[in-house]
PDB file of N, CA and C in Angstrom:
ATOM      1  N   MET A   1     114.051 234.163  90.945  1.00  0.00           N
ATOM      2  CA  MET A   1     114.016 232.714  91.077  1.00  0.00           C
ATOM      3  C   MET A   1     113.315 232.394  92.418  1.00  0.00           C
ATOM      4  N   VAL A   2     112.350 231.459  92.320  1.00  0.00           N
ATOM      5  CA  VAL A   2     111.572 231.051  93.531  1.00  0.00           C
ATOM      6  C   VAL A   2     112.142 229.757  94.004  1.00  0.00           C
ATOM      7  N   ILE A   3     112.420 229.682  95.334  1.00  0.00           N
ATOM      8  CA  ILE A   3     112.942 228.462  95.929  1.00  0.00           C
ATOM      9  C   ILE A   3     111.840 227.906  96.862  1.00  0.00           C
ATOM     10  N   ASN A   4     111.539 226.651  96.725  1.00  0.00           N
ATOM     11  CA  ASN A   4     110.562 225.993  97.577  1.00  0.00           C
ATOM     12  C   ASN A   4     111.212 225.390  98.785  1.00  0.00           C
ATOM     13  N   GLN A   5     111.105 226.067  99.939  1.00  0.00           N
ATOM     14  CA  GLN A   5     111.787 225.580 101.160  1.00  0.00           C
ATOM     15  C   GLN A   5     111.078 224.338 101.723  1.00  0.00           C
ATOM     16  N   SER A   6     109.781 224.200 101.533  1.00  0.00           N
ATOM     17  CA  SER A   6     109.054 223.072 102.151  1.00  0.00           C
ATOM     18  C   SER A   6     109.458 221.745 101.454  1.00  0.00           C
ATOM     19  N   LYS A   7     110.008 221.854 100.298  1.00  0.00           N
ATOM     20  CA  LYS A   7     110.445 220.648  99.585  1.00  0.00           C
ATOM     21  C   LYS A   7     111.624 219.958 100.277  1.00  0.00           C
ATOM     22  N   HIS A   8     112.436 220.746 100.968  1.00  0.00           N
ATOM     23  CA  HIS A   8     113.672 220.235 101.573  1.00  0.00           C
ATOM     24  C   HIS A   8     113.621 220.150 103.087  1.00  0.00           C
ATOM     25  N   THR A   9     112.472 220.428 103.673  1.00  0.00           N
ATOM     26  CA  THR A   9     112.399 220.294 105.147  1.00  0.00           C
ATOM     27  C   THR A   9     112.116 218.876 105.525  1.00  0.00           C
ATOM     28  N   ARG A  10     112.765 218.418 106.587  1.00  0.00           N
ATOM     29  CA  ARG A  10     112.610 217.074 107.024  1.00  0.00           C
ATOM     30  C   ARG A  10     111.555 217.037 108.181  1.00  0.00           C
ATOM     31  N   ARG A  11     110.621 216.137 108.033  1.00  0.00           N
ATOM     32  CA  ARG A  11     109.611 216.019 109.113  1.00  0.00           C
ATOM     33  C   ARG A  11     110.164 214.999 110.154  1.00  0.00           C
ATOM     34  N   LEU A  12     109.922 215.383 111.381  1.00  0.00           N
ATOM     35  CA  LEU A  12     110.401 214.530 112.467  1.00  0.00           C
ATOM     36  C   LEU A  12     109.395 213.395 112.698  1.00  0.00           C
ATOM     37  N   PRO A  13     109.875 212.154 112.956  1.00  0.00           N
ATOM     38  CA  PRO A  13     108.935 211.050 113.165  1.00  0.00           C
ATOM     39  C   PRO A  13     108.140 211.186 114.433  1.00  0.00           C
ATOM     40  N   VAL A  14     106.925 210.693 114.423  1.00  0.00           N
ATOM     41  CA  VAL A  14     106.069 210.733 115.601  1.00  0.00           C
ATOM     42  C   VAL A  14     106.409 209.527 116.456  1.00  0.00           C
ATOM     43  N   PRO A  15     106.589 209.769 117.789  1.00  0.00           N
ATOM     44  CA  PRO A  15     106.786 208.597 118.655  1.00  0.00           C
ATOM     45  C   PRO A  15     105.670 207.602 118.674  1.00  0.00           C
ATOM     46  N   GLN A  16     105.930 206.357 118.527  1.00  0.00           N
ATOM     47  CA  GLN A  16     104.891 205.368 118.452  1.00  0.00           C
ATOM     48  C   GLN A  16     105.041 204.371 119.622  1.00  0.00           C
ATOM     49  N   GLY A  17     103.887 203.938 120.146  1.00  0.00           N
ATOM     50  CA  GLY A  17     103.904 202.972 121.244  1.00  0.00           C
ATOM     51  C   GLY A  17     104.229 203.659 122.553  1.00  0.00           C
ATOM     52  N   SER A  18     104.120 202.944 123.631  1.00  0.00           N
ATOM     53  CA  SER A  18     104.434 203.441 124.905  1.00  0.00           C
ATOM     54  C   SER A  18     105.819 202.966 125.349  1.00  0.00           C
ATOM     55  N   GLY A  19     106.393 203.676 126.182  1.00  0.00           N
ATOM     56  CA  GLY A  19     107.719 203.372 126.639  1.00  0.00           C
ATOM     57  C   GLY A  19     107.736 202.261 127.754  1.00  0.00           C
ATOM     58  N   LYS A  20     106.506 201.929 128.190  1.00  0.00           N
ATOM     59  CA  LYS A  20     106.428 200.919 129.273  1.00  0.00           C
ATOM     60  C   LYS A  20     106.706 199.508 128.747  1.00  0.00           C
ATOM     61  N   SER A  21     107.358 198.700 129.594  1.00  0.00           N
ATOM     62  CA  SER A  21     107.574 197.324 129.245  1.00  0.00           C
ATOM     63  C   SER A  21     106.496 196.538 130.013  1.00  0.00           C
ATOM     64  N   TYR A  22     105.911 195.500 129.353  1.00  0.00           N
ATOM     65  CA  TYR A  22     104.806 194.716 129.948  1.00  0.00           C
ATOM     66  C   TYR A  22     105.406 193.409 130.420  1.00  0.00           C
ATOM     67  N   SER A  23     104.744 192.813 131.407  1.00  0.00           N
ATOM     68  CA  SER A  23     105.181 191.528 131.905  1.00  0.00           C
ATOM     69  C   SER A  23     104.749 190.426 130.934  1.00  0.00           C
ATOM     70  N   GLU A  24     105.296 189.246 131.130  1.00  0.00           N
ATOM     71  CA  GLU A  24     105.009 188.164 130.270  1.00  0.00           C
ATOM     72  C   GLU A  24     103.509 187.705 130.459  1.00  0.00           C
ATOM     73  N   PRO A  25     102.820 187.290 129.359  1.00  0.00           N
ATOM     74  CA  PRO A  25     101.465 186.844 129.522  1.00  0.00           C
ATOM     75  C   PRO A  25     101.394 185.448 130.181  1.00  0.00           C
ATOM     76  N   ASN A  26     100.246 185.211 130.804  1.00  0.00           N
ATOM     77  CA  ASN A  26     100.057 183.880 131.419  1.00  0.00           C
ATOM     78  C   ASN A  26      99.797 182.840 130.379  1.00  0.00           C
ATOM     79  N   LYS A  27     100.241 181.657 130.677  1.00  0.00           N
ATOM     80  CA  LYS A  27      99.940 180.500 129.740  1.00  0.00           C
ATOM     81  C   LYS A  27      98.581 179.980 130.091  1.00  0.00           C
ATOM     82  N   ILE A  28      97.839 179.538 129.074  1.00  0.00           N
ATOM     83  CA  ILE A  28      96.516 179.013 129.293  1.00  0.00           C
ATOM     84  C   ILE A  28      96.600 177.474 129.336  1.00  0.00           C
ATOM     85  N   ALA A  29      96.048 176.918 130.349  1.00  0.00           N
ATOM     86  CA  ALA A  29      96.035 175.464 130.545  1.00  0.00           C
ATOM     87  C   ALA A  29      94.626 175.051 131.075  1.00  0.00           C
ATOM     88  N   ALA A  30      94.441 173.748 131.262  1.00  0.00           N
ATOM     89  CA  ALA A  30      93.110 173.286 131.689  1.00  0.00           C
ATOM     90  C   ALA A  30      92.729 173.797 133.083  1.00  0.00           C
ATOM     91  N   ASN A  31      93.671 174.075 133.931  1.00  0.00           N
ATOM     92  CA  ASN A  31      93.368 174.548 135.242  1.00  0.00           C
ATOM     93  C   ASN A  31      93.494 176.038 135.441  1.00  0.00           C
ATOM     94  N   THR A  32      93.524 176.778 134.361  1.00  0.00           N
ATOM     95  CA  THR A  32      93.633 178.270 134.395  1.00  0.00           C
ATOM     96  C   THR A  32      92.293 178.869 134.864  1.00  0.00           C
ATOM     97  N   LEU A  33      92.384 179.691 135.933  1.00  0.00           N
ATOM     98  CA  LEU A  33      91.182 180.352 136.389  1.00  0.00           C
ATOM     99  C   LEU A  33      90.880 181.486 135.444  1.00  0.00           C
ATOM    100  N   PHE A  34      89.623 181.851 135.290  1.00  0.00           N
ATOM    101  CA  PHE A  34      89.309 182.903 134.323  1.00  0.00           C
ATOM    102  C   PHE A  34      88.883 184.199 134.966  1.00  0.00           C
ATOM    103  N   ASP A  35      89.067 184.438 136.293  1.00  0.00           N
ATOM    104  CA  ASP A  35      88.836 185.770 136.825  1.00  0.00           C
ATOM    105  C   ASP A  35      90.061 186.605 136.578  1.00  0.00           C
ATOM    106  N   PHE A  36      89.885 187.873 136.341  1.00  0.00           N
ATOM    107  CA  PHE A  36      90.987 188.756 135.863  1.00  0.00           C
ATOM    108  C   PHE A  36      91.862 189.071 137.079  1.00  0.00           C
ATOM    109  N   SER A  37      93.176 188.888 136.874  1.00  0.00           N
ATOM    110  CA  SER A  37      94.085 189.204 137.962  1.00  0.00           C
ATOM    111  C   SER A  37      95.041 190.339 137.635  1.00  0.00           C
ATOM    112  N   GLY A  38      94.731 191.030 136.552  1.00  0.00           N
ATOM    113  CA  GLY A  38      95.531 192.199 136.207  1.00  0.00           C
ATOM    114  C   GLY A  38      96.770 191.858 135.312  1.00  0.00           C
ATOM    115  N   LYS A  39      96.938 190.616 134.996  1.00  0.00           N
ATOM    116  CA  LYS A  39      98.062 190.205 134.103  1.00  0.00           C
ATOM    117  C   LYS A  39      97.501 189.996 132.703  1.00  0.00           C
ATOM    118  N   ASN A  40      98.414 190.143 131.753  1.00  0.00           N
ATOM    119  CA  ASN A  40      98.022 189.884 130.330  1.00  0.00           C
ATOM    120  C   ASN A  40      97.908 188.420 130.086  1.00  0.00           C
ATOM    121  N   LEU A  41      96.849 188.035 129.323  1.00  0.00           N
ATOM    122  CA  LEU A  41      96.698 186.653 128.930  1.00  0.00           C
ATOM    123  C   LEU A  41      97.119 186.487 127.468  1.00  0.00           C
ATOM    124  N   THR A  42      97.376 185.250 127.084  1.00  0.00           N
ATOM    125  CA  THR A  42      97.672 184.980 125.679  1.00  0.00           C
ATOM    126  C   THR A  42      96.438 185.255 124.876  1.00  0.00           C
ATOM    127  N   PRO A  43      96.535 185.319 123.581  1.00  0.00           N
ATOM    128  CA  PRO A  43      95.411 185.635 122.729  1.00  0.00           C
ATOM    129  C   PRO A  43      94.196 184.782 122.935  1.00  0.00           C
ATOM    130  N   TYR A  44      94.403 183.498 123.322  1.00  0.00           N
ATOM    131  CA  TYR A  44      93.296 182.565 123.489  1.00  0.00           C
ATOM    132  C   TYR A  44      92.683 182.679 124.916  1.00  0.00           C
ATOM    133  N   GLY A  45      93.219 183.544 125.726  1.00  0.00           N
ATOM    134  CA  GLY A  45      92.700 183.700 127.117  1.00  0.00           C
ATOM    135  C   GLY A  45      91.275 184.192 127.174  1.00  0.00           C
ATOM    136  N   GLY A  46      90.823 184.937 126.171  1.00  0.00           N
ATOM    137  CA  GLY A  46      89.421 185.389 126.145  1.00  0.00           C
ATOM    138  C   GLY A  46      88.445 184.266 125.834  1.00  0.00           C
ATOM    139  N   LEU A  47      88.921 183.206 125.267  1.00  0.00           N
ATOM    140  CA  LEU A  47      88.050 182.045 124.896  1.00  0.00           C
ATOM    141  C   LEU A  47      87.708 181.218 126.108  1.00  0.00           C
ATOM    142  N   LEU A  48      88.509 181.259 127.145  1.00  0.00           N
ATOM    143  CA  LEU A  48      88.249 180.435 128.319  1.00  0.00           C
ATOM    144  C   LEU A  48      86.914 180.723 129.014  1.00  0.00           C
ATOM    145  N   PRO A  49      86.585 182.029 129.268  1.00  0.00           N
ATOM    146  CA  PRO A  49      85.240 182.275 129.861  1.00  0.00           C
ATOM    147  C   PRO A  49      84.063 181.907 128.906  1.00  0.00           C
ATOM    148  N   VAL A  50      84.301 182.084 127.606  1.00  0.00           N
ATOM    149  CA  VAL A  50      83.270 181.763 126.659  1.00  0.00           C
ATOM    150  C   VAL A  50      83.005 180.243 126.592  1.00  0.00           C
ATOM    151  N   ALA A  51      84.089 179.446 126.625  1.00  0.00           N
ATOM    152  CA  ALA A  51      83.967 177.999 126.629  1.00  0.00           C
ATOM    153  C   ALA A  51      83.263 177.588 127.933  1.00  0.00           C
ATOM    154  N   THR A  52      83.589 178.138 129.014  1.00  0.00           N
ATOM    155  CA  THR A  52      82.950 177.760 130.278  1.00  0.00           C
ATOM    156  C   THR A  52      81.454 178.096 130.247  1.00  0.00           C
ATOM    157  N   MET A  53      81.110 179.289 129.734  1.00  0.00           N
ATOM    158  CA  MET A  53      79.715 179.681 129.660  1.00  0.00           C
ATOM    159  C   MET A  53      78.911 178.738 128.755  1.00  0.00           C
ATOM    160  N   LEU A  54      79.502 178.340 127.603  1.00  0.00           N
ATOM    161  CA  LEU A  54      78.825 177.431 126.683  1.00  0.00           C
ATOM    162  C   LEU A  54      78.622 176.075 127.307  1.00  0.00           C
ATOM    163  N   GLU A  55      79.625 175.614 128.121  1.00  0.00           N
ATOM    164  CA  GLU A  55      79.505 174.342 128.804  1.00  0.00           C
ATOM    165  C   GLU A  55      78.383 174.377 129.815  1.00  0.00           C
ATOM    166  N   LYS A  56      78.246 175.477 130.580  1.00  0.00           N
ATOM    167  CA  LYS A  56      77.194 175.601 131.584  1.00  0.00           C
ATOM    168  C   LYS A  56      75.831 175.680 130.984  1.00  0.00           C
ATOM    169  N   LEU A  57      75.745 176.283 129.777  1.00  0.00           N
ATOM    170  CA  LEU A  57      74.464 176.412 129.101  1.00  0.00           C
ATOM    171  C   LEU A  57      74.041 175.099 128.407  1.00  0.00           C
ATOM    172  N   GLY A  58      74.929 174.145 128.312  1.00  0.00           N
ATOM    173  CA  GLY A  58      74.624 172.929 127.602  1.00  0.00           C
ATOM    174  C   GLY A  58      74.600 173.104 126.092  1.00  0.00           C
ATOM    175  N   PHE A  59      75.438 173.953 125.587  1.00  0.00           N
ATOM    176  CA  PHE A  59      75.449 174.257 124.120  1.00  0.00           C
ATOM    177  C   PHE A  59      75.742 173.086 123.272  1.00  0.00           C
ATOM    178  N   LYS A  60      76.658 172.194 123.688  1.00  0.00           N
ATOM    179  CA  LYS A  60      77.052 171.012 122.900  1.00  0.00           C
ATOM    180  C   LYS A  60      75.837 170.127 122.732  1.00  0.00           C
ATOM    181  N   LYS A  61      75.084 169.918 123.801  1.00  0.00           N
ATOM    182  CA  LYS A  61      73.887 169.031 123.749  1.00  0.00           C
ATOM    183  C   LYS A  61      72.847 169.670 122.843  1.00  0.00           C
ATOM    184  N   LEU A  62      72.651 170.975 122.918  1.00  0.00           N
ATOM    185  CA  LEU A  62      71.688 171.682 122.076  1.00  0.00           C
ATOM    186  C   LEU A  62      72.018 171.555 120.619  1.00  0.00           C
ATOM    187  N   VAL A  63      73.330 171.704 120.273  1.00  0.00           N
ATOM    188  CA  VAL A  63      73.793 171.580 118.896  1.00  0.00           C
ATOM    189  C   VAL A  63      73.540 170.148 118.390  1.00  0.00           C
ATOM    190  N   GLU A  64      73.916 169.176 119.239  1.00  0.00           N
ATOM    191  CA  GLU A  64      73.754 167.768 118.840  1.00  0.00           C
ATOM    192  C   GLU A  64      72.274 167.423 118.574  1.00  0.00           C
ATOM    193  N   GLU A  65      71.362 168.006 119.358  1.00  0.00           N
ATOM    194  CA  GLU A  65      69.940 167.761 119.191  1.00  0.00           C
ATOM    195  C   GLU A  65      69.374 168.467 117.978  1.00  0.00           C
ATOM    196  N   THR A  66      69.847 169.662 117.696  1.00  0.00           N
ATOM    197  CA  THR A  66      69.356 170.461 116.590  1.00  0.00           C
ATOM    198  C   THR A  66      69.919 170.067 115.232  1.00  0.00           C
ATOM    199  N   LEU A  67      71.184 169.930 115.186  1.00  0.00           N
ATOM    200  CA  LEU A  67      71.790 169.632 113.880  1.00  0.00           C
ATOM    201  C   LEU A  67      72.106 168.131 113.734  1.00  0.00           C
ATOM    202  N   SER A  68      71.897 167.638 112.516  1.00  0.00           N
ATOM    203  CA  SER A  68      72.205 166.257 112.230  1.00  0.00           C
ATOM    204  C   SER A  68      73.173 166.242 111.053  1.00  0.00           C
ATOM    205  N   VAL A  69      74.237 165.510 111.260  1.00  0.00           N
ATOM    206  CA  VAL A  69      75.272 165.419 110.194  1.00  0.00           C
ATOM    207  C   VAL A  69      75.238 164.008 109.646  1.00  0.00           C
ATOM    208  N   HIS A  70      75.032 163.875 108.351  1.00  0.00           N
ATOM    209  CA  HIS A  70      75.070 162.576 107.708  1.00  0.00           C
ATOM    210  C   HIS A  70      76.293 162.442 106.844  1.00  0.00           C
ATOM    211  N   ARG A  71      77.143 161.556 107.154  1.00  0.00           N
ATOM    212  CA  ARG A  71      78.373 161.353 106.389  1.00  0.00           C
ATOM    213  C   ARG A  71      78.207 160.183 105.474  1.00  0.00           C
ATOM    214  N   ILE A  72      78.688 160.345 104.264  1.00  0.00           N
ATOM    215  CA  ILE A  72      78.640 159.230 103.301  1.00  0.00           C
ATOM    216  C   ILE A  72      80.030 158.751 103.163  1.00  0.00           C
ATOM    217  N   PRO A  73      80.291 157.456 103.524  1.00  0.00           N
ATOM    218  CA  PRO A  73      81.642 156.897 103.471  1.00  0.00           C
ATOM    219  C   PRO A  73      82.167 156.716 102.020  1.00  0.00           C
TER     220      PRO A  73
END
């Protein structure tokens, strides 16, 4: 009689994630500076530098000049 030992062996779970606890993320507001200070930002924190760059490049004016939207009431 052949007995399959591997069928009854239990695999140990792999440890997931790190044991470190992280500090609370910063809240994003209109006066939030966008230079990195080593703290975690909320998910929208990466959009702040992008929005500032687009503002400085005059992106809104360029889009308004290039695209025309005609609405039919």
